[in-house]
Amino acid sequence: MSKLALALAALTLQLLQLGEAGTIHTKKAQIATACGASDYLRSLEIAAGNAVRSALNKAIEAATTAMKIKVASARSTRETQAAGRIIAARIDEGATRARKQS
């Protein structure tokens, strides 16, 4: 599994564990008819899809940032290279830690 795929999966699972996905359910929903149930399930589907897309976009952004840091620091002094690798490793470490907690 590539690091990007791992980061995407880990951050998606972390999103679900942190309860952001819990906001897709409307606790005040009053469903009395079959049409009402259909409409409610459709709204749940849309909200869940939006939550997953948001988590994936954040994961892609984090992976892109880590890669940019690695590339930018590669052509610098040793100290800057070390700092860049440390920062990028922290970003990668966060995804790994989230994966292990799931």
N, C-alpha and C. Protein backbone atom coordinates (compact mmCIF):
# COMPACT_ATOMS: atom_id res chain seq x y z
N MET A 1 0.85 -1.18 0.00
CA MET A 1 0.00 0.00 0.00
C MET A 1 0.90 1.24 0.00
N SER A 2 0.64 2.18 -0.89
CA SER A 2 1.45 3.38 -0.97
C SER A 2 1.19 4.27 0.25
N LYS A 3 2.14 5.18 0.49
CA LYS A 3 1.97 6.09 1.62
C LYS A 3 0.73 6.95 1.46
N LEU A 4 0.47 7.38 0.24
CA LEU A 4 -0.71 8.21 0.01
C LEU A 4 -1.99 7.44 0.30
N ALA A 5 -2.06 6.21 -0.18
CA ALA A 5 -3.24 5.38 0.08
C ALA A 5 -3.39 5.13 1.57
N LEU A 6 -2.27 4.89 2.24
CA LEU A 6 -2.29 4.67 3.69
C LEU A 6 -2.78 5.91 4.41
N ALA A 7 -2.28 7.07 4.00
CA ALA A 7 -2.70 8.32 4.63
C ALA A 7 -4.18 8.58 4.40
N LEU A 8 -4.65 8.33 3.19
CA LEU A 8 -6.07 8.53 2.89
C LEU A 8 -6.95 7.63 3.74
N ALA A 9 -6.57 6.37 3.83
CA ALA A 9 -7.36 5.42 4.62
C ALA A 9 -7.32 5.79 6.10
N ALA A 10 -6.14 6.13 6.60
CA ALA A 10 -5.99 6.45 8.01
C ALA A 10 -6.79 7.70 8.38
N LEU A 11 -6.72 8.73 7.56
CA LEU A 11 -7.44 9.95 7.88
C LEU A 11 -8.94 9.79 7.73
N THR A 12 -9.37 8.96 6.81
CA THR A 12 -10.80 8.68 6.70
C THR A 12 -11.31 7.96 7.94
N LEU A 13 -10.55 6.96 8.39
CA LEU A 13 -10.93 6.24 9.61
C LEU A 13 -10.90 7.17 10.81
N GLN A 14 -9.90 8.04 10.87
CA GLN A 14 -9.81 8.98 11.98
C GLN A 14 -11.01 9.91 11.98
N LEU A 15 -11.41 10.38 10.81
CA LEU A 15 -12.59 11.23 10.70
C LEU A 15 -13.82 10.53 11.27
N LEU A 16 -14.00 9.29 10.90
CA LEU A 16 -15.15 8.53 11.38
C LEU A 16 -15.08 8.32 12.88
N GLN A 17 -13.88 8.05 13.42
CA GLN A 17 -13.73 7.82 14.85
C GLN A 17 -13.94 9.09 15.67
N LEU A 18 -13.54 10.24 15.12
CA LEU A 18 -13.65 11.48 15.86
C LEU A 18 -15.07 12.00 15.92
N GLY A 19 -15.97 11.39 15.17
CA GLY A 19 -17.37 11.76 15.27
C GLY A 19 -17.82 12.81 14.29
N GLU A 20 -16.92 13.27 13.41
CA GLU A 20 -17.38 14.23 12.41
C GLU A 20 -18.46 13.60 11.54
N ALA A 21 -18.34 12.31 11.29
CA ALA A 21 -19.35 11.63 10.49
C ALA A 21 -20.67 11.57 11.22
N GLY A 22 -20.66 11.70 12.56
CA GLY A 22 -21.87 11.69 13.34
C GLY A 22 -22.77 12.87 13.04
N THR A 23 -22.21 13.91 12.44
CA THR A 23 -22.99 15.09 12.12
C THR A 23 -23.85 14.90 10.88
N ILE A 24 -23.72 13.76 10.23
CA ILE A 24 -24.54 13.53 9.04
C ILE A 24 -25.97 13.17 9.41
N HIS A 25 -26.19 12.75 10.64
CA HIS A 25 -27.52 12.34 11.09
C HIS A 25 -28.24 13.52 11.73
N THR A 26 -29.45 13.79 11.28
CA THR A 26 -30.26 14.84 11.88
C THR A 26 -31.11 14.22 12.98
N LYS A 27 -30.79 14.56 14.22
CA LYS A 27 -31.49 13.94 15.35
C LYS A 27 -32.95 14.37 15.45
N LYS A 28 -33.27 15.51 14.87
CA LYS A 28 -34.64 16.02 14.94
C LYS A 28 -35.52 15.52 13.79
N ALA A 29 -34.99 14.65 12.97
CA ALA A 29 -35.75 14.18 11.81
C ALA A 29 -37.00 13.43 12.26
N GLN A 30 -38.13 13.80 11.68
CA GLN A 30 -39.40 13.14 11.94
C GLN A 30 -39.81 12.43 10.65
N ILE A 31 -39.68 11.12 10.65
CA ILE A 31 -39.99 10.35 9.44
C ILE A 31 -41.31 9.62 9.67
N ALA A 32 -42.32 9.99 8.88
CA ALA A 32 -43.64 9.39 9.06
C ALA A 32 -44.13 8.65 7.82
N THR A 33 -43.49 8.88 6.70
CA THR A 33 -43.95 8.24 5.46
C THR A 33 -42.77 7.59 4.74
N ALA A 34 -43.10 6.76 3.77
CA ALA A 34 -42.06 6.12 2.96
C ALA A 34 -41.28 7.17 2.17
N CYS A 35 -41.98 8.17 1.66
CA CYS A 35 -41.30 9.24 0.92
C CYS A 35 -40.37 10.03 1.84
N GLY A 36 -40.82 10.24 3.06
CA GLY A 36 -39.98 10.94 4.04
C GLY A 36 -38.73 10.15 4.35
N ALA A 37 -38.88 8.83 4.47
CA ALA A 37 -37.72 7.98 4.73
C ALA A 37 -36.76 8.01 3.55
N SER A 38 -37.31 7.99 2.35
CA SER A 38 -36.48 8.05 1.15
C SER A 38 -35.70 9.36 1.09
N ASP A 39 -36.38 10.46 1.35
CA ASP A 39 -35.72 11.77 1.34
C ASP A 39 -34.63 11.84 2.41
N TYR A 40 -34.94 11.31 3.59
CA TYR A 40 -33.97 11.35 4.68
C TYR A 40 -32.74 10.50 4.35
N LEU A 41 -32.95 9.31 3.81
CA LEU A 41 -31.82 8.45 3.45
C LEU A 41 -30.98 9.09 2.35
N ARG A 42 -31.62 9.78 1.43
CA ARG A 42 -30.88 10.48 0.38
C ARG A 42 -30.02 11.59 0.99
N SER A 43 -30.56 12.32 1.95
CA SER A 43 -29.78 13.39 2.59
C SER A 43 -28.62 12.81 3.39
N LEU A 44 -28.83 11.64 4.01
CA LEU A 44 -27.73 10.96 4.72
C LEU A 44 -26.63 10.57 3.74
N GLU A 45 -27.04 10.05 2.59
CA GLU A 45 -26.06 9.64 1.57
C GLU A 45 -25.22 10.83 1.12
N ILE A 46 -25.86 11.95 0.87
CA ILE A 46 -25.15 13.15 0.42
C ILE A 46 -24.20 13.65 1.51
N ALA A 47 -24.68 13.71 2.74
CA ALA A 47 -23.85 14.20 3.84
C ALA A 47 -22.65 13.28 4.09
N ALA A 48 -22.87 11.97 4.02
CA ALA A 48 -21.77 11.03 4.22
C ALA A 48 -20.74 11.15 3.10
N GLY A 49 -21.21 11.28 1.88
CA GLY A 49 -20.31 11.46 0.75
C GLY A 49 -19.48 12.73 0.89
N ASN A 50 -20.12 13.80 1.33
CA ASN A 50 -19.40 15.06 1.53
C ASN A 50 -18.36 14.93 2.64
N ALA A 51 -18.69 14.23 3.72
CA ALA A 51 -17.74 14.04 4.82
C ALA A 51 -16.53 13.24 4.37
N VAL A 52 -16.75 12.20 3.60
CA VAL A 52 -15.64 11.37 3.10
C VAL A 52 -14.79 12.17 2.12
N ARG A 53 -15.44 12.90 1.22
CA ARG A 53 -14.68 13.73 0.26
C ARG A 53 -13.83 14.76 0.99
N SER A 54 -14.39 15.37 2.01
CA SER A 54 -13.65 16.37 2.78
C SER A 54 -12.43 15.75 3.45
N ALA A 55 -12.61 14.58 4.05
CA ALA A 55 -11.49 13.89 4.71
C ALA A 55 -10.42 13.51 3.70
N LEU A 56 -10.84 13.02 2.55
CA LEU A 56 -9.87 12.63 1.52
C LEU A 56 -9.12 13.85 0.99
N ASN A 57 -9.81 14.95 0.81
CA ASN A 57 -9.15 16.17 0.35
C ASN A 57 -8.12 16.66 1.36
N LYS A 58 -8.45 16.57 2.65
CA LYS A 58 -7.49 16.96 3.69
C LYS A 58 -6.28 16.03 3.69
N ALA A 59 -6.52 14.75 3.48
CA ALA A 59 -5.42 13.79 3.44
C ALA A 59 -4.52 14.04 2.24
N ILE A 60 -5.12 14.31 1.10
CA ILE A 60 -4.33 14.61 -0.11
C ILE A 60 -3.52 15.88 0.10
N GLU A 61 -4.14 16.87 0.71
CA GLU A 61 -3.45 18.13 0.97
C GLU A 61 -2.26 17.91 1.91
N ALA A 62 -2.44 17.10 2.95
CA ALA A 62 -1.35 16.81 3.88
C ALA A 62 -0.22 16.06 3.19
N ALA A 63 -0.56 15.08 2.37
CA ALA A 63 0.46 14.32 1.65
C ALA A 63 1.20 15.21 0.66
N THR A 64 0.49 16.09 -0.01
CA THR A 64 1.11 17.02 -0.96
C THR A 64 2.05 17.97 -0.23
N THR A 65 1.62 18.47 0.91
CA THR A 65 2.46 19.36 1.70
C THR A 65 3.73 18.66 2.15
N ALA A 66 3.60 17.43 2.63
CA ALA A 66 4.78 16.67 3.06
C ALA A 66 5.75 16.48 1.90
N MET A 67 5.23 16.17 0.73
CA MET A 67 6.09 15.97 -0.44
C MET A 67 6.76 17.27 -0.85
N LYS A 68 6.03 18.38 -0.82
CA LYS A 68 6.62 19.67 -1.17
C LYS A 68 7.75 20.03 -0.21
N ILE A 69 7.55 19.74 1.07
CA ILE A 69 8.59 20.02 2.06
C ILE A 69 9.82 19.18 1.77
N LYS A 70 9.62 17.91 1.46
CA LYS A 70 10.75 17.04 1.14
C LYS A 70 11.51 17.54 -0.07
N VAL A 71 10.79 17.93 -1.12
CA VAL A 71 11.43 18.39 -2.35
C VAL A 71 12.14 19.72 -2.11
N ALA A 72 11.47 20.65 -1.43
CA ALA A 72 12.06 21.97 -1.21
C ALA A 72 13.32 21.89 -0.34
N SER A 73 13.31 21.03 0.64
CA SER A 73 14.46 20.95 1.54
C SER A 73 15.61 20.13 0.96
N ALA A 74 15.36 19.37 -0.09
CA ALA A 74 16.39 18.50 -0.66
C ALA A 74 17.53 19.30 -1.28
N ARG A 75 17.28 20.51 -1.72
CA ARG A 75 18.31 21.31 -2.39
C ARG A 75 18.82 22.42 -1.48
N SER A 76 18.84 22.19 -0.19
CA SER A 76 19.26 23.20 0.78
C SER A 76 20.46 22.71 1.57
N THR A 77 20.76 23.44 2.61
CA THR A 77 21.86 23.05 3.50
C THR A 77 21.47 21.79 4.26
N ARG A 78 22.45 21.17 4.87
CA ARG A 78 22.16 19.94 5.62
C ARG A 78 21.16 20.18 6.74
N GLU A 79 21.30 21.32 7.40
CA GLU A 79 20.38 21.64 8.50
C GLU A 79 18.95 21.79 7.99
N THR A 80 18.80 22.47 6.88
CA THR A 80 17.47 22.65 6.31
C THR A 80 16.91 21.33 5.81
N GLN A 81 17.76 20.49 5.23
CA GLN A 81 17.32 19.17 4.79
C GLN A 81 16.82 18.36 5.98
N ALA A 82 17.59 18.40 7.07
CA ALA A 82 17.18 17.65 8.27
C ALA A 82 15.85 18.17 8.81
N ALA A 83 15.72 19.50 8.86
CA ALA A 83 14.47 20.09 9.36
C ALA A 83 13.29 19.70 8.46
N GLY A 84 13.51 19.73 7.15
CA GLY A 84 12.45 19.35 6.22
C GLY A 84 12.04 17.90 6.38
N ARG A 85 13.04 17.03 6.55
CA ARG A 85 12.72 15.61 6.75
C ARG A 85 11.97 15.38 8.05
N ILE A 86 12.33 16.13 9.09
CA ILE A 86 11.64 15.99 10.38
C ILE A 86 10.19 16.44 10.25
N ILE A 87 9.98 17.58 9.62
CA ILE A 87 8.61 18.09 9.45
C ILE A 87 7.77 17.12 8.62
N ALA A 88 8.33 16.66 7.50
CA ALA A 88 7.60 15.72 6.64
C ALA A 88 7.32 14.41 7.38
N ALA A 89 8.29 13.97 8.19
CA ALA A 89 8.10 12.73 8.95
C ALA A 89 6.98 12.90 9.97
N ARG A 90 6.86 14.08 10.56
CA ARG A 90 5.77 14.32 11.52
C ARG A 90 4.41 14.22 10.84
N ILE A 91 4.33 14.74 9.63
CA ILE A 91 3.07 14.64 8.88
C ILE A 91 2.74 13.17 8.60
N ASP A 92 3.75 12.43 8.12
CA ASP A 92 3.55 11.00 7.85
C ASP A 92 3.25 10.22 9.13
N GLU A 93 3.91 10.62 10.22
CA GLU A 93 3.71 9.94 11.51
C GLU A 93 2.28 10.08 12.00
N GLY A 94 1.68 11.24 11.78
CA GLY A 94 0.30 11.45 12.19
C GLY A 94 -0.65 10.48 11.51
N ALA A 95 -0.43 10.24 10.22
CA ALA A 95 -1.28 9.29 9.49
C ALA A 95 -1.05 7.87 9.99
N THR A 96 0.21 7.53 10.26
CA THR A 96 0.51 6.19 10.76
C THR A 96 -0.11 5.97 12.13
N ARG A 97 -0.01 6.97 13.00
CA ARG A 97 -0.57 6.87 14.35
C ARG A 97 -2.08 6.69 14.28
N ALA A 98 -2.73 7.43 13.40
CA ALA A 98 -4.18 7.32 13.25
C ALA A 98 -4.57 5.93 12.77
N ARG A 99 -3.75 5.37 11.87
CA ARG A 99 -4.03 4.03 11.35
C ARG A 99 -3.91 2.99 12.46
N LYS A 100 -2.90 3.14 13.32
CA LYS A 100 -2.69 2.17 14.39
C LYS A 100 -3.79 2.23 15.44
N GLN A 101 -4.37 3.40 15.64
CA GLN A 101 -5.44 3.55 16.63
C GLN A 101 -6.74 2.92 16.17
N SER A 102 -6.88 2.74 14.87
CA SER A 102 -8.15 2.20 14.36
C SER A 102 -8.21 0.71 14.47
